[in-house]
N, C-alpha and C. Protein backbone atom coordinates (compact mmCIF):
# COMPACT_ATOMS: atom_id res chain seq x y z
N MET A 1 -27.94 -2.81 38.79
CA MET A 1 -26.67 -2.71 39.49
C MET A 1 -26.05 -4.09 39.71
N ILE A 2 -26.89 -5.07 39.97
CA ILE A 2 -26.39 -6.42 40.20
C ILE A 2 -25.80 -6.99 38.92
N GLU A 3 -26.46 -6.72 37.77
CA GLU A 3 -25.95 -7.23 36.49
C GLU A 3 -24.59 -6.62 36.17
N GLN A 4 -24.42 -5.33 36.47
CA GLN A 4 -23.15 -4.67 36.19
C GLN A 4 -22.05 -5.26 37.08
N HIS A 5 -22.37 -5.53 38.35
CA HIS A 5 -21.38 -6.11 39.26
C HIS A 5 -20.97 -7.50 38.78
N ALA A 6 -21.94 -8.30 38.33
CA ALA A 6 -21.64 -9.64 37.83
C ALA A 6 -20.77 -9.57 36.57
N TYR A 7 -21.06 -8.60 35.70
CA TYR A 7 -20.27 -8.43 34.48
C TYR A 7 -18.85 -8.03 34.82
N THR A 8 -18.67 -7.10 35.76
CA THR A 8 -17.35 -6.66 36.18
C THR A 8 -16.57 -7.82 36.79
N THR A 9 -17.24 -8.63 37.60
CA THR A 9 -16.59 -9.80 38.22
C THR A 9 -16.13 -10.78 37.16
N ARG A 10 -16.98 -11.03 36.15
CA ARG A 10 -16.60 -11.94 35.06
C ARG A 10 -15.41 -11.40 34.28
N CYS A 11 -15.37 -10.09 34.08
CA CYS A 11 -14.25 -9.48 33.36
C CYS A 11 -12.94 -9.68 34.13
N TRP A 12 -12.98 -9.46 35.45
CA TRP A 12 -11.78 -9.63 36.26
C TRP A 12 -11.33 -11.09 36.28
N VAL A 13 -12.27 -12.01 36.37
CA VAL A 13 -11.92 -13.44 36.35
C VAL A 13 -11.28 -13.80 35.02
N LEU A 14 -11.85 -13.30 33.93
CA LEU A 14 -11.29 -13.58 32.60
C LEU A 14 -9.89 -12.99 32.48
N LEU A 15 -9.69 -11.78 32.99
CA LEU A 15 -8.38 -11.14 32.95
C LEU A 15 -7.36 -11.95 33.75
N LEU A 16 -7.73 -12.41 34.93
CA LEU A 16 -6.82 -13.21 35.75
C LEU A 16 -6.50 -14.55 35.09
N LYS A 17 -7.50 -15.18 34.45
CA LYS A 17 -7.24 -16.44 33.74
C LYS A 17 -6.27 -16.21 32.58
N GLY A 18 -6.45 -15.13 31.87
CA GLY A 18 -5.54 -14.81 30.77
C GLY A 18 -4.13 -14.55 31.26
N PHE A 19 -3.99 -13.83 32.37
CA PHE A 19 -2.68 -13.56 32.95
C PHE A 19 -2.02 -14.87 33.41
N ALA A 20 -2.80 -15.74 34.04
CA ALA A 20 -2.26 -17.03 34.50
C ALA A 20 -1.81 -17.87 33.30
N ALA A 21 -2.60 -17.87 32.21
CA ALA A 21 -2.22 -18.63 31.02
C ALA A 21 -0.93 -18.07 30.42
N ALA A 22 -0.79 -16.76 30.41
CA ALA A 22 0.43 -16.14 29.88
C ALA A 22 1.63 -16.52 30.73
N CYS A 23 1.46 -16.53 32.04
CA CYS A 23 2.56 -16.91 32.94
C CYS A 23 2.96 -18.36 32.70
N VAL A 24 1.99 -19.26 32.56
CA VAL A 24 2.29 -20.66 32.31
C VAL A 24 3.01 -20.81 30.96
N TYR A 25 2.54 -20.10 29.93
CA TYR A 25 3.17 -20.17 28.61
C TYR A 25 4.62 -19.72 28.69
N TRP A 26 4.87 -18.54 29.27
CA TRP A 26 6.24 -18.03 29.33
C TRP A 26 7.12 -18.90 30.22
N GLY A 27 6.56 -19.44 31.29
CA GLY A 27 7.34 -20.34 32.14
C GLY A 27 7.77 -21.59 31.38
N ALA A 28 6.83 -22.18 30.62
CA ALA A 28 7.15 -23.37 29.84
C ALA A 28 8.18 -23.04 28.76
N PHE A 29 8.02 -21.89 28.13
CA PHE A 29 8.96 -21.49 27.09
C PHE A 29 10.37 -21.32 27.66
N LEU A 30 10.47 -20.65 28.80
CA LEU A 30 11.79 -20.44 29.40
C LEU A 30 12.41 -21.75 29.87
N CYS A 31 11.58 -22.70 30.38
CA CYS A 31 12.11 -24.02 30.78
C CYS A 31 12.65 -24.77 29.56
N LEU A 32 11.91 -24.74 28.46
CA LEU A 32 12.37 -25.40 27.25
C LEU A 32 13.64 -24.74 26.70
N LEU A 33 13.69 -23.43 26.76
CA LEU A 33 14.88 -22.71 26.30
C LEU A 33 16.08 -23.07 27.17
N ALA A 34 15.89 -23.13 28.47
CA ALA A 34 16.99 -23.49 29.37
C ALA A 34 17.46 -24.91 29.10
N ALA A 35 16.52 -25.84 28.87
CA ALA A 35 16.89 -27.22 28.57
C ALA A 35 17.66 -27.30 27.25
N PHE A 36 17.22 -26.52 26.27
CA PHE A 36 17.89 -26.51 24.96
C PHE A 36 19.31 -25.97 25.10
N VAL A 37 19.47 -24.87 25.84
CA VAL A 37 20.79 -24.29 26.04
C VAL A 37 21.67 -25.26 26.81
N HIS A 38 21.10 -25.95 27.79
CA HIS A 38 21.88 -26.91 28.58
C HIS A 38 22.35 -28.08 27.72
N CYS A 39 21.50 -28.53 26.79
CA CYS A 39 21.86 -29.67 25.93
C CYS A 39 22.93 -29.33 24.91
N ILE A 40 22.79 -28.20 24.23
CA ILE A 40 23.74 -27.90 23.15
C ILE A 40 24.83 -26.93 23.58
N GLY A 41 24.64 -26.23 24.66
CA GLY A 41 25.63 -25.27 25.12
C GLY A 41 25.35 -23.88 24.57
N PHE A 42 25.73 -22.89 25.37
CA PHE A 42 25.45 -21.50 25.00
C PHE A 42 26.27 -21.09 23.78
N ASP A 43 27.50 -21.56 23.68
CA ASP A 43 28.37 -21.18 22.56
C ASP A 43 27.78 -21.64 21.23
N LYS A 44 27.31 -22.90 21.19
CA LYS A 44 26.71 -23.41 19.95
C LYS A 44 25.42 -22.68 19.62
N LEU A 45 24.64 -22.37 20.66
CA LEU A 45 23.39 -21.62 20.43
C LEU A 45 23.69 -20.24 19.86
N LEU A 46 24.72 -19.59 20.40
CA LEU A 46 25.10 -18.27 19.89
C LEU A 46 25.54 -18.35 18.43
N VAL A 47 26.30 -19.38 18.07
CA VAL A 47 26.74 -19.56 16.69
C VAL A 47 25.54 -19.81 15.77
N MET A 48 24.58 -20.64 16.24
CA MET A 48 23.39 -20.91 15.44
C MET A 48 22.56 -19.65 15.22
N VAL A 49 22.39 -18.87 16.26
CA VAL A 49 21.60 -17.63 16.14
C VAL A 49 22.30 -16.67 15.18
N CYS A 50 23.61 -16.53 15.28
CA CYS A 50 24.35 -15.65 14.37
C CYS A 50 24.26 -16.13 12.92
N ALA A 51 24.32 -17.43 12.72
CA ALA A 51 24.21 -17.98 11.36
C ALA A 51 22.83 -17.70 10.78
N VAL A 52 21.79 -17.92 11.57
CA VAL A 52 20.43 -17.67 11.09
C VAL A 52 20.24 -16.18 10.79
N GLU A 53 20.75 -15.32 11.66
CA GLU A 53 20.65 -13.87 11.41
C GLU A 53 21.42 -13.47 10.15
N GLY A 54 22.59 -14.07 9.93
CA GLY A 54 23.36 -13.77 8.72
C GLY A 54 22.63 -14.18 7.45
N VAL A 55 22.04 -15.37 7.47
CA VAL A 55 21.27 -15.84 6.31
C VAL A 55 20.08 -14.91 6.06
N PHE A 56 19.40 -14.52 7.13
CA PHE A 56 18.27 -13.60 6.97
C PHE A 56 18.73 -12.26 6.40
N TYR A 57 19.88 -11.75 6.86
CA TYR A 57 20.38 -10.47 6.39
C TYR A 57 20.68 -10.53 4.90
N VAL A 58 21.34 -11.60 4.45
CA VAL A 58 21.65 -11.74 3.03
C VAL A 58 20.37 -11.84 2.21
N PHE A 59 19.40 -12.64 2.70
CA PHE A 59 18.12 -12.76 2.00
C PHE A 59 17.40 -11.41 1.94
N PHE A 60 17.42 -10.67 3.05
CA PHE A 60 16.77 -9.36 3.09
C PHE A 60 17.42 -8.40 2.10
N LEU A 61 18.74 -8.39 2.03
CA LEU A 61 19.41 -7.51 1.06
C LEU A 61 19.04 -7.87 -0.37
N TRP A 62 19.04 -9.16 -0.67
CA TRP A 62 18.68 -9.60 -2.02
C TRP A 62 17.24 -9.22 -2.34
N ARG A 63 16.33 -9.48 -1.40
CA ARG A 63 14.90 -9.21 -1.65
C ARG A 63 14.63 -7.71 -1.77
N SER A 64 15.25 -6.90 -0.92
CA SER A 64 15.00 -5.45 -1.01
C SER A 64 15.59 -4.88 -2.30
N ALA A 65 16.73 -5.42 -2.76
CA ALA A 65 17.29 -4.96 -4.04
C ALA A 65 16.37 -5.36 -5.19
N HIS A 66 15.79 -6.54 -5.10
CA HIS A 66 14.87 -7.02 -6.14
C HIS A 66 13.60 -6.18 -6.17
N LEU A 67 13.05 -5.87 -4.99
CA LEU A 67 11.81 -5.10 -4.95
C LEU A 67 12.03 -3.62 -5.29
N GLY A 68 13.20 -3.09 -4.98
CA GLY A 68 13.46 -1.68 -5.23
C GLY A 68 14.01 -1.39 -6.62
N ALA A 69 14.24 -2.42 -7.42
CA ALA A 69 14.81 -2.22 -8.75
C ALA A 69 13.80 -1.59 -9.70
N GLN A 70 14.32 -0.81 -10.63
CA GLN A 70 13.47 -0.21 -11.64
C GLN A 70 13.00 -1.28 -12.61
N PRO A 71 11.76 -1.19 -13.08
CA PRO A 71 11.31 -2.18 -14.06
C PRO A 71 12.05 -2.00 -15.38
N LEU A 72 12.07 -3.05 -16.15
CA LEU A 72 12.72 -2.97 -17.46
C LEU A 72 12.00 -1.96 -18.34
N ARG A 73 12.76 -1.29 -19.18
CA ARG A 73 12.15 -0.32 -20.09
C ARG A 73 11.27 -1.06 -21.09
N HIS A 74 10.09 -0.53 -21.31
CA HIS A 74 9.17 -1.16 -22.25
C HIS A 74 8.57 -0.13 -23.19
N GLU A 75 9.31 0.94 -23.39
CA GLU A 75 8.84 2.01 -24.27
C GLU A 75 8.86 1.51 -25.72
N PRO A 76 7.79 1.82 -26.46
CA PRO A 76 7.79 1.45 -27.88
C PRO A 76 8.94 2.15 -28.62
N GLU A 77 9.35 1.57 -29.72
CA GLU A 77 10.50 2.12 -30.44
C GLU A 77 10.24 3.52 -30.97
N ALA A 78 9.09 3.73 -31.58
CA ALA A 78 8.76 5.04 -32.13
C ALA A 78 7.68 5.66 -31.25
N HIS A 79 8.11 6.34 -30.20
CA HIS A 79 7.15 6.92 -29.26
C HIS A 79 7.38 8.41 -29.16
N ASP A 80 6.33 9.19 -29.44
CA ASP A 80 6.39 10.64 -29.31
C ASP A 80 5.50 11.02 -28.14
N SER A 81 6.12 11.36 -27.00
CA SER A 81 5.33 11.62 -25.80
C SER A 81 4.49 12.89 -25.92
N SER A 82 4.95 13.90 -26.63
CA SER A 82 4.15 15.11 -26.76
C SER A 82 2.92 14.85 -27.63
N ALA A 83 3.04 14.03 -28.66
CA ALA A 83 1.87 13.68 -29.48
C ALA A 83 0.89 12.85 -28.67
N SER A 84 1.40 11.96 -27.84
CA SER A 84 0.52 11.16 -26.98
C SER A 84 -0.24 12.05 -26.01
N PHE A 85 0.45 13.03 -25.44
CA PHE A 85 -0.24 13.93 -24.50
C PHE A 85 -1.29 14.77 -25.21
N LYS A 86 -0.99 15.25 -26.40
CA LYS A 86 -1.98 16.03 -27.16
C LYS A 86 -3.21 15.17 -27.48
N ARG A 87 -2.97 13.91 -27.85
CA ARG A 87 -4.07 12.99 -28.11
C ARG A 87 -4.89 12.76 -26.85
N PHE A 88 -4.21 12.61 -25.72
CA PHE A 88 -4.87 12.43 -24.42
C PHE A 88 -5.75 13.64 -24.09
N LYS A 89 -5.22 14.83 -24.26
CA LYS A 89 -5.97 16.05 -23.97
C LYS A 89 -7.18 16.17 -24.89
N ALA A 90 -7.01 15.87 -26.17
CA ALA A 90 -8.13 15.94 -27.11
C ALA A 90 -9.20 14.92 -26.76
N LEU A 91 -8.81 13.74 -26.34
CA LEU A 91 -9.77 12.71 -25.94
C LEU A 91 -10.59 13.16 -24.73
N ILE A 92 -9.92 13.73 -23.75
CA ILE A 92 -10.65 14.19 -22.56
C ILE A 92 -11.65 15.28 -22.94
N MET A 93 -11.21 16.25 -23.72
CA MET A 93 -12.11 17.35 -24.10
C MET A 93 -13.27 16.83 -24.95
N THR A 94 -13.03 15.87 -25.84
CA THR A 94 -14.10 15.31 -26.67
C THR A 94 -15.11 14.57 -25.81
N GLU A 95 -14.63 13.76 -24.88
CA GLU A 95 -15.54 13.01 -24.02
C GLU A 95 -16.38 13.96 -23.16
N HIS A 96 -15.77 14.99 -22.63
CA HIS A 96 -16.52 15.92 -21.79
C HIS A 96 -17.49 16.75 -22.60
N ALA A 97 -17.11 17.09 -23.82
CA ALA A 97 -18.03 17.87 -24.66
C ALA A 97 -19.25 17.02 -25.04
N GLN A 98 -19.07 15.71 -25.17
CA GLN A 98 -20.18 14.84 -25.52
C GLN A 98 -20.95 14.36 -24.29
N GLY A 99 -20.47 14.74 -23.08
CA GLY A 99 -21.19 14.36 -21.87
C GLY A 99 -20.85 12.98 -21.35
N ARG A 100 -19.78 12.38 -21.85
CA ARG A 100 -19.41 11.04 -21.38
C ARG A 100 -18.25 11.08 -20.39
N GLY A 101 -17.77 12.25 -20.05
CA GLY A 101 -16.57 12.33 -19.24
C GLY A 101 -16.76 12.03 -17.77
N SER A 102 -17.93 12.26 -17.24
CA SER A 102 -18.14 12.07 -15.82
C SER A 102 -19.13 10.96 -15.58
N ARG A 103 -18.80 10.08 -14.67
CA ARG A 103 -19.73 9.00 -14.35
C ARG A 103 -20.80 9.46 -13.37
N THR A 104 -20.53 10.56 -12.69
CA THR A 104 -21.48 11.01 -11.67
C THR A 104 -22.49 12.00 -12.22
N GLN A 105 -22.20 12.61 -13.33
CA GLN A 105 -23.11 13.60 -13.90
C GLN A 105 -23.48 13.20 -15.32
N VAL A 106 -24.70 13.53 -15.69
CA VAL A 106 -25.11 13.36 -17.09
C VAL A 106 -25.34 14.76 -17.62
N ARG A 107 -24.58 15.13 -18.62
CA ARG A 107 -24.70 16.49 -19.17
C ARG A 107 -25.81 16.51 -20.22
N SER A 108 -26.54 17.59 -20.21
CA SER A 108 -27.56 17.74 -21.23
C SER A 108 -26.89 18.29 -22.50
N PRO A 109 -27.48 18.05 -23.65
CA PRO A 109 -26.86 18.55 -24.89
C PRO A 109 -26.76 20.07 -24.93
N THR A 110 -27.62 20.75 -24.16
CA THR A 110 -27.57 22.21 -24.18
C THR A 110 -26.56 22.76 -23.19
N CYS A 111 -26.02 21.91 -22.33
CA CYS A 111 -25.04 22.34 -21.33
C CYS A 111 -23.72 22.65 -22.03
N PRO A 112 -23.11 23.78 -21.74
CA PRO A 112 -21.84 24.10 -22.39
C PRO A 112 -20.75 23.14 -21.93
N PRO A 113 -19.79 22.85 -22.80
CA PRO A 113 -18.71 21.94 -22.39
C PRO A 113 -17.89 22.56 -21.27
N PRO A 114 -17.29 21.74 -20.43
CA PRO A 114 -16.52 22.27 -19.31
C PRO A 114 -15.21 22.88 -19.79
N SER A 115 -14.63 23.67 -18.92
CA SER A 115 -13.33 24.25 -19.24
C SER A 115 -12.28 23.14 -19.19
N THR A 116 -11.11 23.46 -19.72
CA THR A 116 -10.03 22.48 -19.72
C THR A 116 -9.67 22.07 -18.30
N ASP A 117 -9.61 23.04 -17.39
CA ASP A 117 -9.26 22.72 -16.01
C ASP A 117 -10.29 21.80 -15.37
N GLN A 118 -11.56 22.10 -15.61
CA GLN A 118 -12.63 21.27 -15.04
C GLN A 118 -12.60 19.87 -15.65
N ALA A 119 -12.33 19.76 -16.94
CA ALA A 119 -12.28 18.45 -17.58
C ALA A 119 -11.13 17.62 -17.02
N PHE A 120 -9.97 18.23 -16.86
CA PHE A 120 -8.84 17.50 -16.29
C PHE A 120 -9.10 17.11 -14.85
N ALA A 121 -9.74 18.01 -14.08
CA ALA A 121 -10.04 17.70 -12.68
C ALA A 121 -10.98 16.50 -12.60
N GLU A 122 -12.01 16.47 -13.43
CA GLU A 122 -12.93 15.33 -13.41
C GLU A 122 -12.25 14.06 -13.88
N TYR A 123 -11.40 14.17 -14.90
CA TYR A 123 -10.73 12.98 -15.42
C TYR A 123 -9.78 12.39 -14.38
N PHE A 124 -8.97 13.24 -13.76
CA PHE A 124 -8.04 12.74 -12.75
C PHE A 124 -8.76 12.20 -11.54
N SER A 125 -9.88 12.80 -11.20
CA SER A 125 -10.67 12.28 -10.09
C SER A 125 -11.13 10.86 -10.39
N LEU A 126 -11.58 10.60 -11.61
CA LEU A 126 -12.00 9.25 -11.99
C LEU A 126 -10.80 8.31 -12.05
N TRP A 127 -9.66 8.79 -12.53
CA TRP A 127 -8.48 7.94 -12.64
C TRP A 127 -8.00 7.48 -11.26
N PHE A 128 -8.12 8.36 -10.27
CA PHE A 128 -7.71 8.02 -8.91
C PHE A 128 -8.91 7.51 -8.10
N LEU A 129 -9.73 6.70 -8.73
CA LEU A 129 -10.84 5.97 -8.09
C LEU A 129 -11.85 6.89 -7.41
N GLY A 130 -12.15 8.01 -8.03
CA GLY A 130 -13.19 8.90 -7.53
C GLY A 130 -12.75 9.81 -6.41
N ALA A 131 -11.47 9.88 -6.15
CA ALA A 131 -10.99 10.77 -5.09
C ALA A 131 -11.26 12.22 -5.48
N PRO A 132 -11.62 13.07 -4.53
CA PRO A 132 -11.81 14.48 -4.86
C PRO A 132 -10.51 15.06 -5.43
N PHE A 133 -10.66 15.93 -6.41
CA PHE A 133 -9.47 16.45 -7.09
C PHE A 133 -8.55 17.17 -6.12
N ASP A 134 -9.12 17.82 -5.11
CA ASP A 134 -8.30 18.56 -4.14
C ASP A 134 -7.42 17.63 -3.31
N SER A 135 -7.80 16.37 -3.18
CA SER A 135 -7.02 15.45 -2.35
C SER A 135 -5.94 14.74 -3.16
N ILE A 136 -5.91 14.91 -4.47
CA ILE A 136 -4.89 14.27 -5.30
C ILE A 136 -3.63 15.13 -5.23
N LYS A 137 -2.55 14.53 -4.83
CA LYS A 137 -1.29 15.26 -4.64
C LYS A 137 -0.55 15.41 -5.96
N ARG A 138 0.25 16.44 -6.02
CA ARG A 138 1.02 16.74 -7.23
C ARG A 138 1.94 15.58 -7.60
N GLN A 139 2.55 14.94 -6.59
CA GLN A 139 3.46 13.83 -6.86
C GLN A 139 2.73 12.65 -7.50
N ASN A 140 1.47 12.41 -7.09
CA ASN A 140 0.70 11.33 -7.69
C ASN A 140 0.46 11.59 -9.18
N VAL A 141 0.13 12.82 -9.51
CA VAL A 141 -0.12 13.17 -10.92
C VAL A 141 1.19 13.10 -11.70
N ARG A 142 2.30 13.53 -11.08
CA ARG A 142 3.60 13.45 -11.76
C ARG A 142 3.95 12.00 -12.10
N GLU A 143 3.71 11.09 -11.13
CA GLU A 143 4.01 9.69 -11.38
C GLU A 143 3.12 9.12 -12.49
N LEU A 144 1.84 9.48 -12.46
CA LEU A 144 0.92 9.00 -13.50
C LEU A 144 1.36 9.48 -14.88
N LEU A 145 1.66 10.76 -15.01
CA LEU A 145 2.05 11.31 -16.31
C LEU A 145 3.42 10.79 -16.75
N ALA A 146 4.36 10.67 -15.82
CA ALA A 146 5.69 10.18 -16.20
C ALA A 146 5.61 8.75 -16.71
N TYR A 147 4.85 7.92 -16.02
CA TYR A 147 4.76 6.53 -16.45
C TYR A 147 3.88 6.39 -17.68
N GLY A 148 2.78 7.15 -17.72
CA GLY A 148 1.84 7.01 -18.83
C GLY A 148 2.34 7.55 -20.15
N PHE A 149 3.15 8.59 -20.12
CA PHE A 149 3.57 9.21 -21.38
C PHE A 149 5.05 9.07 -21.68
N HIS A 150 5.86 8.89 -20.65
CA HIS A 150 7.30 8.84 -20.88
C HIS A 150 7.90 7.48 -20.52
N TYR A 151 7.08 6.55 -20.07
CA TYR A 151 7.53 5.20 -19.73
C TYR A 151 8.70 5.24 -18.75
N SER A 152 8.60 6.10 -17.75
CA SER A 152 9.67 6.18 -16.76
C SER A 152 9.05 6.43 -15.39
N SER A 153 9.87 6.33 -14.36
CA SER A 153 9.38 6.63 -13.03
C SER A 153 10.02 7.92 -12.54
N VAL A 154 9.36 8.55 -11.60
CA VAL A 154 9.85 9.83 -11.10
C VAL A 154 10.77 9.58 -9.94
């Protein structure tokens, strides 16, 4: 009981010291701010603050437009997206039939190959860093397929 009382007392002392330090910090800050306003005047301070806010606003608009812009098209000249998808599907089925499709399971040669749905579920799970297939959202798969086969964003 004595140890708990001593610990509680130390906590309260630490809290009071922190509060006192915060009061000293804010007091010093407000004194410096008042001195600054007194030296340059409130009107000039207001103009400076508005100028800085305006520059930040212009920079923010430029940066958000830059970050939100679509990437340049990089689609190959002769690209057949349906042939690419068929090749993708055949690759998945071949890998799963040979037992190389899943990193978590080793298939025996006598094990029947998985169904198409199971193969795609395992492949997408691996593509999304091992996430369970049920947790992968439709929009995530749409974005993957749109970018991977059609070189576009959704």
